[in-house]
Amino acid sequence: MKKNLKTSMALAVLAAFVLLTATGCTGKSASKKDPVRIGSKNFTENLILAEIYALALEDSGIPVVRNFNLASSVVHTALVNNEIDLYPEYTGTGLLSVLQHELVTDPQQVYAIVKDEYAKRFNLVWLDYAQANDGQGLVVTAKISNALGIKTISDLQKNSSSIRFASQGEFDQREDGIPALTAVYGPFAFKSSKIYDNALKYQVLLQDEADAAPAYTTEGQLATGDFVLLDDDKHVWPPYNIAPVVRQNVLEKYPAIAEILNRVNSHISTAAITALNAQVDVDKKEYEDVAKTFYVNTAKK
């Protein structure tokens, strides 16, 4: 009886050894348990988006490692070099900065180009893009907008002689700045144009030292009601719609990622991400808390 018991125990130990050997001795039970490495760029909005994506994958049982705060100049390279598996990107950035493509302003056409070229060149997949557009824009104070009826860039151009412009210097010379606007809308004969540090522009506008300034379309201060983001009614600037970019081999391992993140992205509008940015940059909340609240209350549904 004792001999049979010893034999059974020995067989059990042998079976356990065989199982460990089959699954690898590195501590990984199987490749499917490998975590998805989520990256982000090093600014508020991208951190919030990456955290929302991470929460959504974790909530669906997909393990995640966060590799956040990467410099914008290296995050694409990190994805191509297999240092991260996905991150939130912008269609305009993919088109102009990564692919070095000529300017295109139709959102669907830009998306089609980046989706096709990334698959061919990098074996990367663009998931569905969000309505949210974080692109170049112009902002005026609510006071001047109401007084002169300025809602679009065409309105600004027509009223430019009454406008004090708060430039950031390079915007006056940059190819996609005043030169691009002038080529499409006509000359901007501003009442005055002074150079201010970008970080001070909203303070300058609030203190009535200027009436208009360059801005990005999802900056948190735009949610305060003190400013009006002007409609680029003649479409000078390319769209910068938000979308996750994912390594093809990771999607093959975890095909559910596409459905999960496409559902999340469907809730991310320009107004929504602007409000989230405001909670961090204006209200000084932690981006992790802001992302979690948005995911639980909105994006999870």
Protein backbone atom coordinates (compact mmCIF):
# COMPACT_ATOMS: atom_id res chain seq x y z
CA MET A 1 0.00 0.00 0.00
CA LYS A 2 2.83 2.38 0.95
CA LYS A 3 4.60 1.48 -2.27
CA ASN A 4 1.50 2.35 -4.32
CA LEU A 5 1.16 5.65 -2.43
CA LYS A 6 4.77 6.58 -3.15
CA THR A 7 4.35 5.66 -6.79
CA SER A 8 1.23 7.85 -7.06
CA MET A 9 3.02 10.77 -5.44
CA ALA A 10 5.97 10.38 -7.78
CA LEU A 11 3.68 10.36 -10.80
CA ALA A 12 1.93 13.48 -9.52
CA VAL A 13 5.24 15.31 -9.13
CA LEU A 14 6.30 14.19 -12.59
CA ALA A 15 3.03 15.42 -14.10
CA ALA A 16 3.45 18.79 -12.42
CA PHE A 17 7.00 19.05 -13.77
CA VAL A 18 5.87 18.22 -17.29
CA LEU A 19 3.13 20.90 -17.06
CA LEU A 20 5.61 23.53 -15.89
CA THR A 21 8.02 22.61 -18.65
CA ALA A 22 5.29 22.80 -21.29
CA THR A 23 4.19 26.26 -20.22
CA GLY A 24 7.72 27.60 -19.77
CA CYS A 25 9.92 28.11 -16.75
CA THR A 26 9.87 31.88 -16.83
CA GLY A 27 6.72 32.26 -14.74
CA LYS A 28 4.43 32.92 -17.71
CA SER A 29 1.60 30.41 -17.85
CA ALA A 30 0.99 31.09 -21.55
CA SER A 31 1.51 33.79 -24.12
CA LYS A 32 -2.12 34.86 -23.72
CA LYS A 33 -1.27 36.06 -20.22
CA ASP A 34 1.33 38.49 -21.53
CA PRO A 35 0.26 42.01 -20.55
CA VAL A 36 -0.60 44.62 -23.13
CA ARG A 37 1.91 47.47 -22.83
CA ILE A 38 0.02 50.76 -23.19
CA GLY A 39 2.02 53.88 -23.92
CA SER A 40 1.15 57.55 -23.85
CA LYS A 41 2.65 60.87 -24.85
CA ASN A 42 3.74 63.28 -22.13
CA PHE A 43 0.81 65.70 -21.96
CA THR A 44 -2.47 65.73 -20.07
CA GLU A 45 -4.88 64.65 -22.79
CA ASN A 46 -2.83 61.68 -23.94
CA LEU A 47 -2.31 60.52 -20.36
CA ILE A 48 -6.06 60.63 -19.75
CA LEU A 49 -6.81 58.71 -22.96
CA ALA A 50 -4.19 56.05 -22.29
CA GLU A 51 -5.50 55.54 -18.76
CA ILE A 52 -9.08 55.17 -20.06
CA TYR A 53 -7.87 52.56 -22.55
CA ALA A 54 -5.99 50.73 -19.79
CA LEU A 55 -9.04 50.67 -17.52
CA ALA A 56 -11.23 49.33 -20.32
CA LEU A 57 -8.85 46.47 -21.13
CA GLU A 58 -8.37 45.57 -17.47
CA ASP A 59 -12.12 45.60 -16.95
CA SER A 60 -12.40 43.02 -19.74
CA GLY A 61 -9.79 40.75 -18.17
CA ILE A 62 -6.84 41.75 -20.36
CA PRO A 63 -3.67 42.36 -18.29
CA VAL A 64 -2.04 45.75 -18.80
CA VAL A 65 1.29 47.44 -18.15
CA ARG A 66 1.37 51.25 -18.28
CA ASN A 67 4.37 52.85 -20.01
CA PHE A 68 3.18 56.45 -19.92
CA ASN A 69 4.82 59.87 -20.33
CA LEU A 70 6.87 59.08 -23.43
CA ALA A 71 8.12 62.02 -25.48
CA SER A 72 5.94 62.69 -28.51
CA SER A 73 9.02 62.38 -30.72
CA VAL A 74 9.73 58.77 -29.66
CA VAL A 75 6.36 57.15 -28.96
CA HIS A 76 5.79 55.99 -32.55
CA THR A 77 9.30 54.52 -32.66
CA ALA A 78 8.63 52.74 -29.37
CA LEU A 79 5.57 51.11 -30.95
CA VAL A 80 7.41 50.07 -34.10
CA ASN A 81 10.34 48.71 -32.05
CA ASN A 82 8.05 46.51 -29.92
CA GLU A 83 8.65 48.50 -26.73
CA ILE A 84 4.92 49.23 -26.32
CA ASP A 85 1.82 47.62 -27.86
CA LEU A 86 -0.59 50.53 -28.32
CA TYR A 87 -1.09 54.22 -27.58
CA PRO A 88 -3.50 57.07 -28.42
CA GLU A 89 -2.48 58.88 -31.60
CA TYR A 90 -3.89 61.66 -33.79
CA THR A 91 -4.74 61.19 -37.46
CA GLY A 92 -3.11 64.48 -38.48
CA THR A 93 0.10 63.55 -36.66
CA GLY A 94 0.18 60.21 -38.42
CA LEU A 95 -0.40 61.85 -41.80
CA LEU A 96 2.03 64.77 -41.56
CA SER A 97 4.66 63.92 -38.93
CA VAL A 98 5.03 60.16 -39.37
CA LEU A 99 4.13 59.53 -43.01
CA GLN A 100 5.34 62.95 -44.25
CA HIS A 101 2.28 63.03 -46.49
CA GLU A 102 0.97 66.12 -48.24
CA LEU A 103 -1.80 68.07 -46.52
CA VAL A 104 -5.29 66.54 -46.58
CA THR A 105 -8.17 68.12 -44.65
CA ASP A 106 -11.05 65.63 -45.00
CA PRO A 107 -11.20 63.55 -41.76
CA GLN A 108 -12.28 60.30 -43.40
CA GLN A 109 -9.69 60.61 -46.15
CA VAL A 110 -6.91 61.30 -43.64
CA TYR A 111 -7.97 58.26 -41.61
CA ALA A 112 -8.06 56.03 -44.70
CA ILE A 113 -4.53 57.10 -45.66
CA VAL A 114 -2.97 56.52 -42.24
CA LYS A 115 -4.80 53.23 -41.73
CA ASP A 116 -3.61 51.86 -45.07
CA GLU A 117 -0.03 53.16 -44.88
CA TYR A 118 0.58 52.13 -41.26
CA ALA A 119 -0.54 48.58 -42.08
CA LYS A 120 1.77 48.39 -45.10
CA ARG A 121 4.83 50.07 -43.62
CA PHE A 122 4.73 49.20 -39.94
CA ASN A 123 2.27 46.31 -39.49
CA LEU A 124 0.27 48.60 -37.19
CA VAL A 125 -3.52 48.94 -37.01
CA TRP A 126 -5.51 52.14 -36.55
CA LEU A 127 -8.74 51.36 -34.69
CA ASP A 128 -11.83 53.56 -35.14
CA TYR A 129 -11.19 57.27 -34.72
CA ALA A 130 -13.12 59.36 -32.23
CA GLN A 131 -15.15 62.45 -33.08
CA ALA A 132 -12.74 64.38 -30.83
CA ASN A 133 -10.35 66.59 -32.80
CA ASP A 134 -7.29 68.05 -31.07
CA GLY A 135 -6.00 70.29 -33.82
CA GLN A 136 -4.81 73.81 -34.47
CA GLY A 137 -7.35 76.55 -33.88
CA LEU A 138 -7.97 80.18 -33.03
CA VAL A 139 -9.74 81.39 -29.89
CA VAL A 140 -11.34 84.73 -29.01
CA THR A 141 -12.75 85.98 -25.76
CA ALA A 142 -16.47 85.45 -25.25
CA LYS A 143 -16.74 89.21 -24.78
CA ILE A 144 -15.37 90.04 -28.25
CA SER A 145 -17.28 87.17 -29.84
CA ASN A 146 -20.56 88.51 -28.51
CA ALA A 147 -19.74 92.13 -29.29
CA LEU A 148 -18.71 91.57 -32.92
CA GLY A 149 -20.53 88.33 -33.73
CA ILE A 150 -17.30 86.41 -34.31
CA LYS A 151 -17.92 82.65 -34.48
CA THR A 152 -15.75 81.57 -37.43
CA ILE A 153 -12.30 82.38 -38.79
CA SER A 154 -14.04 84.15 -41.68
CA ASP A 155 -15.72 86.40 -39.10
CA LEU A 156 -12.35 87.05 -37.48
CA GLN A 157 -10.76 88.00 -40.79
CA LYS A 158 -13.57 90.45 -41.59
CA ASN A 159 -13.24 92.07 -38.15
CA SER A 160 -9.46 91.80 -37.86
CA SER A 161 -8.93 95.58 -37.77
CA SER A 162 -10.74 95.60 -34.40
CA ILE A 163 -8.79 92.65 -32.95
CA ARG A 164 -5.70 92.67 -30.73
CA PHE A 165 -3.90 89.43 -31.56
CA ALA A 166 -1.80 87.54 -28.98
CA SER A 167 0.71 85.69 -31.13
CA GLN A 168 3.34 83.18 -30.05
CA GLY A 169 5.81 84.54 -32.59
CA GLU A 170 6.41 81.46 -34.70
CA PHE A 171 2.70 81.27 -35.53
CA ASP A 172 3.11 84.41 -37.66
CA GLN A 173 5.76 82.71 -39.82
CA ARG A 174 4.90 79.01 -39.60
CA GLU A 175 3.64 77.45 -42.83
CA ASP A 176 0.44 76.26 -41.12
CA GLY A 177 -0.01 79.52 -39.21
CA ILE A 178 -0.85 83.01 -40.48
CA PRO A 179 0.53 82.30 -44.00
CA ALA A 180 -1.87 79.35 -44.43
CA LEU A 181 -4.79 81.37 -43.06
CA THR A 182 -4.02 84.34 -45.28
CA ALA A 183 -3.81 82.17 -48.39
CA VAL A 184 -7.35 80.86 -47.80
CA TYR A 185 -9.18 83.58 -45.85
CA GLY A 186 -7.39 86.70 -47.06
CA PRO A 187 -5.16 89.11 -45.08
CA PHE A 188 -5.58 89.63 -41.34
CA ALA A 189 -5.02 93.34 -40.67
CA PHE A 190 -5.02 93.09 -36.87
CA LYS A 191 -5.35 96.26 -34.81
CA SER A 192 -2.23 95.04 -32.99
CA SER A 193 -0.20 91.85 -32.71
CA LYS A 194 2.09 91.19 -29.76
CA ILE A 195 4.09 88.09 -28.90
CA TYR A 196 3.29 86.30 -25.64
CA ASP A 197 4.43 82.99 -24.18
CA ASN A 198 1.93 80.26 -25.06
CA ALA A 199 1.48 79.35 -21.39
CA LEU A 200 0.24 82.88 -20.68
CA LYS A 201 -2.23 83.30 -23.52
CA TYR A 202 -5.41 82.65 -21.54
CA GLN A 203 -4.26 84.95 -18.75
CA VAL A 204 -3.54 87.65 -21.34
CA LEU A 205 -7.02 87.24 -22.84
CA LEU A 206 -8.74 87.26 -19.44
CA GLN A 207 -6.89 90.40 -18.42
CA ASP A 208 -8.19 92.15 -21.57
CA GLU A 209 -4.72 92.65 -22.99
CA ALA A 210 -5.70 90.87 -26.21
CA ASP A 211 -8.81 89.56 -27.96
CA ALA A 212 -7.64 86.50 -29.93
CA ALA A 213 -4.87 83.92 -29.90
CA PRO A 214 -3.79 80.60 -31.47
CA ALA A 215 -4.98 77.58 -29.51
CA TYR A 216 -5.44 73.85 -29.70
CA THR A 217 -9.01 72.72 -30.00
CA THR A 218 -9.27 70.63 -26.80
CA GLU A 219 -7.38 72.82 -24.31
CA GLY A 220 -9.04 72.64 -20.91
CA GLN A 221 -9.46 76.40 -20.58
CA LEU A 222 -11.95 76.29 -23.44
CA ALA A 223 -14.42 74.57 -21.11
CA THR A 224 -14.64 77.58 -18.76
CA GLY A 225 -17.07 79.60 -20.90
CA ASP A 226 -14.73 82.58 -21.07
CA PHE A 227 -13.56 81.82 -24.61
CA VAL A 228 -14.95 80.87 -28.01
CA LEU A 229 -13.10 78.46 -30.28
CA LEU A 230 -13.60 79.65 -33.84
CA ASP A 231 -14.85 77.33 -36.56
CA ASP A 232 -12.29 76.77 -39.32
CA ASP A 233 -15.08 77.21 -41.86
CA LYS A 234 -12.80 77.02 -44.92
CA HIS A 235 -10.87 74.00 -43.63
CA VAL A 236 -7.29 75.23 -43.59
CA TRP A 237 -6.09 72.79 -40.96
CA PRO A 238 -5.99 68.99 -41.10
CA PRO A 239 -8.03 66.97 -38.61
CA TYR A 240 -6.35 65.48 -35.55
CA ASN A 241 -8.91 62.86 -34.58
CA ILE A 242 -8.01 60.55 -31.71
CA ALA A 243 -7.57 56.81 -32.26
CA PRO A 244 -5.68 53.89 -30.68
CA VAL A 245 -2.83 52.52 -32.81
CA VAL A 246 -2.08 48.87 -32.06
CA ARG A 247 0.51 46.31 -33.09
CA GLN A 248 -1.03 43.70 -35.42
CA ASN A 249 0.40 40.75 -33.49
CA VAL A 250 -1.17 42.03 -30.27
CA LEU A 251 -4.58 42.24 -31.93
CA GLU A 252 -4.13 38.67 -33.11
CA LYS A 253 -3.39 37.61 -29.53
CA TYR A 254 -6.21 39.70 -28.04
CA PRO A 255 -8.79 40.29 -30.82
CA ALA A 256 -11.25 41.71 -28.26
CA ILE A 257 -9.09 44.84 -27.99
CA ALA A 258 -10.62 46.29 -31.16
CA GLU A 259 -14.21 46.04 -29.96
CA ILE A 260 -13.35 47.28 -26.46
CA LEU A 261 -11.43 50.38 -27.56
CA ASN A 262 -13.75 51.20 -30.45
CA ARG A 263 -16.62 51.30 -27.95
CA VAL A 264 -14.62 53.57 -25.65
CA ASN A 265 -13.60 55.89 -28.50
CA SER A 266 -17.23 56.30 -29.56
CA HIS A 267 -17.79 58.27 -26.33
CA ILE A 268 -14.85 60.67 -26.81
CA SER A 269 -16.07 63.90 -28.40
CA THR A 270 -14.20 67.19 -28.61
CA ALA A 271 -16.39 68.59 -25.82
CA ALA A 272 -15.83 65.50 -23.65
CA ILE A 273 -12.04 65.49 -23.88
CA THR A 274 -11.90 69.26 -23.42
CA ALA A 275 -13.88 68.88 -20.19
CA LEU A 276 -11.55 66.10 -19.02
CA ASN A 277 -8.50 68.25 -19.77
CA ALA A 278 -10.09 71.08 -17.79
CA GLN A 279 -10.50 68.89 -14.72
CA VAL A 280 -6.75 68.22 -14.72
CA ASP A 281 -5.27 71.49 -16.03
CA VAL A 282 -7.76 73.95 -14.53
CA ASP A 283 -9.23 72.14 -11.50
CA LYS A 284 -5.91 70.39 -10.71
CA LYS A 285 -7.33 66.88 -10.30
CA GLU A 286 -5.20 63.78 -10.90
CA TYR A 287 -5.51 62.42 -14.43
CA GLU A 288 -5.98 58.86 -13.11
CA ASP A 289 -9.04 59.93 -11.09
CA VAL A 290 -10.49 61.91 -13.99
CA ALA A 291 -10.01 58.98 -16.37
CA LYS A 292 -11.59 56.49 -13.96
CA THR A 293 -14.67 58.63 -13.37
CA PHE A 294 -15.18 59.10 -17.11
CA TYR A 295 -14.71 55.41 -17.81
CA VAL A 296 -17.09 54.23 -15.09
CA ASN A 297 -19.79 56.83 -15.76
CA THR A 298 -19.57 57.14 -19.54
CA ALA A 299 -17.14 55.05 -21.57
CA LYS A 300 -17.99 51.72 -19.92
CA LYS A 301 -21.58 51.86 -21.17
